[in-house]
């Protein structure tokens, strides 16, 4: 999926959505610099993806998005609902 977005420069707070591939790309909202790639609900590489909903130019992703510390990523855990970040309790001090 990463090749879908080659050449796109990400800005903090911007979510790129590809309706053709039902996929999104954005920077982790915690500020760690990680690029997040998520595919839609169709099966991709043997895994079921996220529900990607667009309504009035606002995007909602479900279920939650997490970057587990055990994978040496930031540990952020959040929802994106109508373009807004909703931090989960286990995200520590992110967004607070």
N, C-alpha and C. Protein backbone atom coordinates (compact mmCIF):
# COMPACT_ATOMS: atom_id res chain seq x y z
N UNK A 1 0.81 -1.19 0.00
CA UNK A 1 0.00 0.00 0.00
C UNK A 1 0.86 1.25 0.00
N UNK A 2 2.02 1.21 0.54
CA UNK A 2 2.85 2.40 0.62
C UNK A 2 3.10 3.02 -0.76
N UNK A 3 3.18 2.18 -1.78
CA UNK A 3 3.44 2.72 -3.11
C UNK A 3 2.28 3.58 -3.63
N UNK A 4 1.11 3.43 -3.06
CA UNK A 4 -0.03 4.26 -3.46
C UNK A 4 0.24 5.74 -3.22
N UNK A 5 1.01 6.01 -2.19
CA UNK A 5 1.20 7.37 -1.73
C UNK A 5 2.61 7.88 -1.99
N UNK A 6 3.41 7.16 -2.77
CA UNK A 6 4.76 7.64 -3.06
C UNK A 6 4.72 9.04 -3.63
N UNK A 7 5.62 9.88 -3.15
CA UNK A 7 5.71 11.24 -3.65
C UNK A 7 4.80 12.23 -2.95
N UNK A 8 3.95 11.74 -2.04
CA UNK A 8 3.08 12.66 -1.29
C UNK A 8 3.82 13.11 -0.04
N UNK A 9 3.93 14.41 0.11
CA UNK A 9 4.56 14.99 1.29
C UNK A 9 3.50 15.19 2.35
N UNK A 10 3.70 14.58 3.51
CA UNK A 10 2.70 14.66 4.57
C UNK A 10 2.90 15.90 5.42
N UNK A 11 1.81 16.50 5.79
CA UNK A 11 1.82 17.62 6.73
C UNK A 11 1.10 17.17 8.00
N UNK A 12 1.55 17.66 9.13
CA UNK A 12 0.92 17.30 10.38
C UNK A 12 -0.56 17.70 10.34
N UNK A 13 -1.41 16.79 10.76
CA UNK A 13 -2.84 17.09 10.81
C UNK A 13 -3.60 16.85 9.52
N UNK A 14 -2.92 16.36 8.48
CA UNK A 14 -3.56 16.11 7.19
C UNK A 14 -3.67 14.60 6.97
N UNK A 15 -4.85 14.16 6.56
CA UNK A 15 -5.07 12.75 6.24
C UNK A 15 -5.30 12.65 4.74
N UNK A 16 -4.48 11.86 4.07
CA UNK A 16 -4.68 11.60 2.64
C UNK A 16 -5.51 10.34 2.50
N UNK A 17 -6.53 10.40 1.67
CA UNK A 17 -7.40 9.25 1.44
C UNK A 17 -7.42 8.92 -0.04
N UNK A 18 -7.25 7.64 -0.36
CA UNK A 18 -7.34 7.17 -1.73
C UNK A 18 -8.62 6.34 -1.87
N UNK A 19 -9.67 6.92 -2.48
CA UNK A 19 -10.90 6.13 -2.64
C UNK A 19 -10.70 4.92 -3.55
N UNK A 20 -9.81 5.07 -4.52
CA UNK A 20 -9.57 3.96 -5.44
C UNK A 20 -9.06 2.72 -4.71
N UNK A 21 -8.17 2.93 -3.74
CA UNK A 21 -7.59 1.81 -3.01
C UNK A 21 -8.15 1.69 -1.59
N UNK A 22 -9.08 2.57 -1.24
CA UNK A 22 -9.67 2.56 0.09
C UNK A 22 -8.58 2.49 1.16
N UNK A 23 -7.72 3.51 1.15
CA UNK A 23 -6.58 3.54 2.06
C UNK A 23 -6.31 4.98 2.50
N UNK A 24 -5.70 5.11 3.69
CA UNK A 24 -5.34 6.42 4.21
C UNK A 24 -3.87 6.45 4.62
N UNK A 25 -3.31 7.66 4.64
CA UNK A 25 -1.94 7.87 5.09
C UNK A 25 -1.92 9.20 5.84
N UNK A 26 -1.25 9.20 7.00
CA UNK A 26 -1.13 10.43 7.79
C UNK A 26 0.03 10.29 8.76
N UNK A 27 0.42 11.40 9.35
CA UNK A 27 1.46 11.39 10.36
C UNK A 27 0.83 11.05 11.71
N UNK A 28 1.54 10.27 12.51
CA UNK A 28 1.04 9.94 13.85
C UNK A 28 0.78 11.25 14.60
N UNK A 29 -0.39 11.38 15.22
CA UNK A 29 -0.74 12.63 15.87
C UNK A 29 0.06 12.94 17.14
N UNK A 30 0.86 12.00 17.63
CA UNK A 30 1.63 12.26 18.84
C UNK A 30 2.85 13.13 18.56
N UNK A 31 3.22 13.24 17.28
CA UNK A 31 4.39 14.04 16.92
C UNK A 31 5.67 13.26 16.81
N UNK A 32 5.60 11.91 16.86
CA UNK A 32 6.80 11.08 16.82
C UNK A 32 7.44 11.03 15.43
N UNK A 33 6.68 11.44 14.40
CA UNK A 33 7.21 11.43 13.05
C UNK A 33 6.89 10.18 12.25
N UNK A 34 6.24 9.19 12.87
CA UNK A 34 5.87 7.97 12.15
C UNK A 34 4.77 8.26 11.13
N UNK A 35 4.89 7.64 9.96
CA UNK A 35 3.83 7.71 8.96
C UNK A 35 2.92 6.51 9.17
N UNK A 36 1.62 6.75 9.20
CA UNK A 36 0.65 5.69 9.43
C UNK A 36 -0.05 5.39 8.11
N UNK A 37 -0.08 4.11 7.73
CA UNK A 37 -0.76 3.64 6.52
C UNK A 37 -1.84 2.66 6.96
N UNK A 38 -3.07 2.91 6.57
CA UNK A 38 -4.16 2.00 6.92
C UNK A 38 -4.98 1.71 5.68
N UNK A 39 -5.39 0.46 5.55
CA UNK A 39 -6.25 0.07 4.43
C UNK A 39 -7.67 -0.08 4.92
N UNK A 40 -8.61 0.06 4.00
CA UNK A 40 -10.02 -0.03 4.33
C UNK A 40 -10.46 -1.43 4.70
N UNK A 41 -11.74 -1.61 4.84
CA UNK A 41 -12.30 -2.84 5.39
C UNK A 41 -12.17 -4.06 4.49
N UNK A 42 -11.80 -3.87 3.24
CA UNK A 42 -11.60 -5.05 2.40
C UNK A 42 -10.33 -5.77 2.86
N UNK A 43 -10.21 -7.02 2.54
CA UNK A 43 -9.03 -7.78 2.97
C UNK A 43 -7.80 -7.31 2.22
N UNK A 44 -6.72 -7.13 2.95
CA UNK A 44 -5.44 -6.68 2.39
C UNK A 44 -4.34 -7.48 3.05
N UNK A 45 -3.57 -8.19 2.26
CA UNK A 45 -2.47 -9.01 2.76
C UNK A 45 -2.95 -9.95 3.88
N UNK A 46 -4.15 -10.53 3.70
CA UNK A 46 -4.67 -11.49 4.65
C UNK A 46 -5.24 -10.90 5.92
N UNK A 47 -5.36 -9.59 6.00
CA UNK A 47 -5.87 -8.94 7.21
C UNK A 47 -7.07 -8.07 6.84
N UNK A 48 -8.03 -8.00 7.75
CA UNK A 48 -9.15 -7.10 7.58
C UNK A 48 -8.74 -5.73 8.04
N UNK A 49 -9.18 -4.70 7.35
CA UNK A 49 -8.75 -3.34 7.65
C UNK A 49 -9.71 -2.55 8.50
N UNK A 50 -9.66 -1.25 8.34
CA UNK A 50 -10.45 -0.30 9.10
C UNK A 50 -11.69 0.10 8.32
N UNK A 51 -12.73 0.47 9.04
CA UNK A 51 -13.87 1.13 8.41
C UNK A 51 -13.46 2.57 8.18
N UNK A 52 -13.49 3.01 6.94
CA UNK A 52 -13.15 4.39 6.58
C UNK A 52 -14.44 5.05 6.11
N UNK A 53 -14.90 6.03 6.88
CA UNK A 53 -16.16 6.70 6.58
C UNK A 53 -15.91 8.17 6.29
N UNK A 54 -16.42 8.64 5.16
CA UNK A 54 -16.35 10.06 4.82
C UNK A 54 -17.75 10.64 4.85
N UNK A 55 -17.91 11.74 5.60
CA UNK A 55 -19.20 12.41 5.67
C UNK A 55 -18.93 13.90 5.79
N UNK A 56 -19.46 14.67 4.86
CA UNK A 56 -19.26 16.13 4.86
C UNK A 56 -17.78 16.49 4.91
N UNK A 57 -16.97 15.81 4.12
CA UNK A 57 -15.52 16.03 4.06
C UNK A 57 -14.80 15.76 5.38
N UNK A 58 -15.40 14.98 6.26
CA UNK A 58 -14.76 14.59 7.51
C UNK A 58 -14.60 13.09 7.51
N UNK A 59 -13.44 12.62 8.01
CA UNK A 59 -13.14 11.20 7.98
C UNK A 59 -13.21 10.60 9.38
N UNK A 60 -13.75 9.40 9.44
CA UNK A 60 -13.80 8.62 10.68
C UNK A 60 -13.18 7.27 10.38
N UNK A 61 -12.28 6.82 11.26
CA UNK A 61 -11.65 5.51 11.13
C UNK A 61 -12.01 4.67 12.34
N UNK A 62 -12.37 3.43 12.11
CA UNK A 62 -12.73 2.53 13.19
C UNK A 62 -12.24 1.13 12.84
N UNK A 63 -11.70 0.37 13.75
CA UNK A 63 -11.56 0.61 15.18
C UNK A 63 -10.42 1.59 15.49
N UNK A 64 -10.00 1.59 16.76
CA UNK A 64 -8.92 2.49 17.18
C UNK A 64 -7.62 2.17 16.46
N UNK A 65 -6.73 3.13 16.49
CA UNK A 65 -5.43 3.01 15.85
C UNK A 65 -4.39 3.01 16.94
N UNK A 66 -3.50 2.05 16.91
CA UNK A 66 -2.50 1.96 17.97
C UNK A 66 -1.12 1.72 17.41
N UNK A 67 -0.15 2.23 18.13
CA UNK A 67 1.26 2.01 17.80
C UNK A 67 1.91 1.38 19.02
N UNK A 68 1.85 0.06 19.13
CA UNK A 68 2.34 -0.60 20.34
C UNK A 68 3.83 -0.34 20.59
N UNK A 69 4.15 -0.05 21.84
CA UNK A 69 5.54 0.17 22.24
C UNK A 69 6.37 -1.08 21.96
N UNK A 70 5.76 -2.26 22.10
CA UNK A 70 6.51 -3.50 21.89
C UNK A 70 7.06 -3.59 20.46
N UNK A 71 6.46 -2.85 19.52
CA UNK A 71 6.99 -2.81 18.15
C UNK A 71 7.96 -1.65 17.98
N UNK A 72 8.37 -1.04 19.09
CA UNK A 72 9.33 0.06 19.12
C UNK A 72 8.80 1.31 18.42
N UNK A 73 7.48 1.44 18.42
CA UNK A 73 6.88 2.67 17.92
C UNK A 73 6.49 3.51 19.13
N UNK A 74 5.80 4.57 18.94
CA UNK A 74 5.55 5.55 19.99
C UNK A 74 4.63 5.10 21.12
N UNK A 75 3.71 4.20 20.87
CA UNK A 75 2.76 3.77 21.89
C UNK A 75 1.46 4.55 21.88
N UNK A 76 1.28 5.46 20.91
CA UNK A 76 0.03 6.21 20.82
C UNK A 76 -1.13 5.27 20.52
N UNK A 77 -2.31 5.58 21.07
CA UNK A 77 -3.51 4.78 20.84
C UNK A 77 -4.67 5.76 20.79
N UNK A 78 -5.41 5.78 19.68
CA UNK A 78 -6.41 6.83 19.47
C UNK A 78 -7.45 6.40 18.44
N UNK A 79 -8.53 7.16 18.40
CA UNK A 79 -9.53 7.07 17.36
C UNK A 79 -9.45 8.34 16.52
N UNK A 80 -9.86 8.27 15.28
CA UNK A 80 -10.08 9.47 14.47
C UNK A 80 -11.57 9.48 14.17
N UNK A 81 -12.25 10.51 14.70
CA UNK A 81 -13.70 10.65 14.51
C UNK A 81 -13.98 12.04 13.98
N UNK A 82 -14.50 12.08 12.76
CA UNK A 82 -14.84 13.33 12.08
C UNK A 82 -13.66 14.32 12.14
N UNK A 83 -12.50 13.83 11.71
CA UNK A 83 -11.26 14.61 11.61
C UNK A 83 -10.64 14.98 12.96
N UNK A 84 -11.15 14.47 14.04
CA UNK A 84 -10.62 14.81 15.37
C UNK A 84 -9.98 13.59 16.01
N UNK A 85 -8.91 13.82 16.74
CA UNK A 85 -8.23 12.75 17.47
C UNK A 85 -8.90 12.59 18.82
N UNK A 86 -9.26 11.36 19.16
CA UNK A 86 -9.76 11.04 20.49
C UNK A 86 -8.78 10.03 21.09
N UNK A 87 -8.03 10.48 22.09
CA UNK A 87 -6.99 9.65 22.70
C UNK A 87 -7.60 8.61 23.61
N UNK A 88 -7.04 7.40 23.59
CA UNK A 88 -7.46 6.34 24.48
C UNK A 88 -6.71 6.47 25.80
N UNK A 89 -7.30 5.93 26.85
CA UNK A 89 -6.71 6.03 28.18
C UNK A 89 -5.29 5.45 28.26
N UNK A 90 -5.00 4.42 27.48
CA UNK A 90 -3.68 3.78 27.55
C UNK A 90 -2.62 4.48 26.71
N UNK A 91 -2.89 5.69 26.26
CA UNK A 91 -1.91 6.45 25.47
C UNK A 91 -1.00 7.31 26.30
N UNK A 92 -1.10 7.23 27.59
CA UNK A 92 -0.23 8.05 28.43
C UNK A 92 -0.58 9.51 28.34
N UNK A 93 0.43 10.35 28.11
CA UNK A 93 0.23 11.80 28.11
C UNK A 93 0.00 12.39 26.73
N UNK A 94 -0.17 11.58 25.69
CA UNK A 94 -0.39 12.12 24.36
C UNK A 94 -1.67 12.93 24.32
N UNK A 95 -1.59 14.09 23.68
CA UNK A 95 -2.77 14.90 23.46
C UNK A 95 -3.37 15.54 24.70
N UNK A 96 -2.65 15.51 25.81
CA UNK A 96 -3.19 16.06 27.05
C UNK A 96 -2.47 17.32 27.43
